Amino acid sequence: MNLRQQYHFRKSDRGLLAWDVLKLIRLSKDFEIIDVPLKDIRELEEVYWFGLGAPPIVEEIAEHAKLIYDADLSYPIILCPQGRLMDGMHRVCKAHLEARETIIAVKFATLHEPDYVGKQPDELPY
């Protein structure tokens, strides 16, 4: 599988925190796979991709729609110790559109420090 470089972002009092998703995938590759009810994925009810900058333009929405359409549900989403999504929103959206009740996931018991602190998305290597 050829994945594009991407990051998981969280706002904090230290500034924007960013975790390298490719690193998260490597670190979690041997974790137990669990079924998580879609109703427990809180991010479905929150601002997600477009909350860090300007409002989205239609082209950006269309690009996300294509990624959702192409998402492979055989790969688990990644959750932090508190059950928050760190990778896999396109898969979550696809599962939601298919009216699935659960999605497969891996979950960190503890989480390493972010890979970047105080950097904006456009300041990170892609």
Protein backbone atom coordinates (compact mmCIF):
# COMPACT_ATOMS: atom_id res chain seq x y z
CA MET A 1 0.00 0.00 0.00
CA ASN A 2 1.38 3.40 -1.00
CA LEU A 3 0.26 6.03 1.51
CA ARG A 4 0.63 9.78 1.24
CA GLN A 5 2.29 11.68 4.09
CA GLN A 6 -0.33 12.98 6.49
CA TYR A 7 -0.61 14.17 10.07
CA HIS A 8 -3.04 14.00 12.95
CA PHE A 9 -3.54 17.45 14.49
CA ARG A 10 -4.77 18.57 17.90
CA LYS A 11 -4.96 22.04 19.37
CA SER A 12 -3.28 22.51 22.76
CA ASP A 13 -1.98 25.19 25.09
CA ARG A 14 1.50 24.41 23.64
CA GLY A 15 0.24 25.21 20.14
CA LEU A 16 -0.84 22.86 17.41
CA LEU A 17 0.31 19.27 18.01
CA ALA A 18 1.01 16.98 15.05
CA TRP A 19 1.63 13.24 14.89
CA ASP A 20 3.06 11.61 11.77
CA VAL A 21 0.33 9.18 10.67
CA LEU A 22 2.80 6.89 8.87
CA LYS A 23 4.65 6.55 12.18
CA LEU A 24 1.35 5.85 14.01
CA ILE A 25 0.63 3.08 11.50
CA ARG A 26 4.09 1.52 12.01
CA LEU A 27 3.81 1.71 15.81
CA SER A 28 0.34 0.15 15.88
CA LYS A 29 0.79 -2.55 13.21
CA ASP A 30 0.90 -5.40 15.75
CA PHE A 31 -1.88 -4.11 18.02
CA GLU A 32 -4.99 -6.19 18.62
CA ILE A 33 -7.76 -5.33 16.15
CA ILE A 34 -11.06 -4.47 17.84
CA ASP A 35 -14.57 -3.63 16.62
CA VAL A 36 -15.68 -0.13 17.58
CA PRO A 37 -19.29 1.05 17.28
CA LEU A 38 -19.53 3.95 14.82
CA LYS A 39 -21.72 5.75 17.35
CA ASP A 40 -18.63 5.92 19.60
CA ILE A 41 -16.59 7.85 17.01
CA ARG A 42 -17.21 11.36 18.37
CA GLU A 43 -15.45 13.02 15.45
CA LEU A 44 -18.46 12.22 13.22
CA GLU A 45 -20.31 14.93 15.16
CA GLU A 46 -17.46 17.48 15.19
CA VAL A 47 -15.59 19.84 12.89
CA TYR A 48 -12.75 17.74 11.53
CA TRP A 49 -10.84 18.38 8.29
CA PHE A 50 -11.76 21.99 7.77
CA GLY A 51 -11.50 23.38 11.30
CA LEU A 52 -7.89 24.58 11.18
CA GLY A 53 -8.09 27.22 8.46
CA ALA A 54 -10.34 28.89 5.93
CA PRO A 55 -13.70 27.38 5.00
CA PRO A 56 -13.38 24.60 2.42
CA ILE A 57 -13.87 25.17 -1.26
CA VAL A 58 -15.91 22.71 -3.31
CA GLU A 59 -12.79 21.20 -4.91
CA GLU A 60 -11.47 20.24 -1.44
CA ILE A 61 -14.80 18.66 -0.53
CA ALA A 62 -14.75 16.70 -3.81
CA GLU A 63 -11.21 15.49 -3.06
CA HIS A 64 -12.37 14.18 0.33
CA ALA A 65 -15.38 12.53 -1.33
CA LYS A 66 -13.03 10.63 -3.66
CA LEU A 67 -10.84 9.55 -0.72
CA ILE A 68 -13.98 8.33 1.09
CA TYR A 69 -15.12 6.43 -1.99
CA ASP A 70 -11.67 4.82 -2.37
CA ALA A 71 -11.22 4.07 1.36
CA ASP A 72 -10.39 0.45 2.19
CA LEU A 73 -12.31 -0.73 5.25
CA SER A 74 -10.02 -3.75 5.67
CA TYR A 75 -7.46 -1.44 7.34
CA PRO A 76 -8.19 -0.51 10.96
CA ILE A 77 -8.62 3.06 12.07
CA ILE A 78 -6.26 4.29 14.80
CA LEU A 79 -7.50 5.57 18.15
CA CYS A 80 -5.64 7.30 20.97
CA PRO A 81 -5.89 6.00 24.56
CA GLN A 82 -9.01 8.16 25.11
CA GLY A 83 -10.70 6.66 22.05
CA ARG A 84 -10.27 9.74 19.85
CA LEU A 85 -9.57 9.22 16.16
CA MET A 86 -5.97 9.68 15.02
CA ASP A 87 -6.24 8.10 11.56
CA GLY A 88 -9.04 6.82 9.41
CA MET A 89 -11.75 9.46 9.04
CA HIS A 90 -12.26 8.60 5.35
CA ARG A 91 -12.87 4.99 6.40
CA VAL A 92 -15.20 6.12 9.18
CA CYS A 93 -17.17 8.20 6.66
CA LYS A 94 -17.39 5.27 4.24
CA ALA A 95 -18.59 2.95 7.00
CA HIS A 96 -21.18 5.57 7.99
CA LEU A 97 -22.39 5.93 4.39
CA GLU A 98 -22.69 2.14 4.15
CA ALA A 99 -24.78 2.15 7.36
CA ARG A 100 -22.33 -0.12 9.14
CA GLU A 101 -22.66 -0.34 12.90
CA THR A 102 -18.98 -1.00 13.65
CA ILE A 103 -15.53 -0.42 12.20
CA ILE A 104 -12.27 -2.20 12.93
CA ALA A 105 -9.70 -0.27 14.94
CA VAL A 106 -6.47 -0.39 16.87
CA LYS A 107 -6.03 1.63 20.03
CA PHE A 108 -2.92 2.97 21.72
CA ALA A 109 -2.66 2.17 25.45
CA THR A 110 -0.21 5.06 25.82
CA LEU A 111 0.70 7.69 23.29
CA HIS A 112 4.12 9.05 22.47
CA GLU A 113 4.77 12.77 22.32
CA PRO A 114 3.69 14.52 19.13
CA ASP A 115 6.20 14.65 16.30
CA TYR A 116 5.74 18.42 15.94
CA VAL A 117 4.64 21.11 18.39
CA GLY A 118 3.62 24.64 17.42
CA LYS A 119 3.92 24.07 13.66
CA GLN A 120 1.14 24.82 11.20
CA PRO A 121 0.16 22.17 8.62
CA ASP A 122 1.87 24.05 5.80
CA GLU A 123 5.16 24.07 7.77
CA LEU A 124 5.42 20.25 7.89
CA PRO A 125 7.20 18.00 5.39
CA TYR A 126 4.96 16.26 2.83
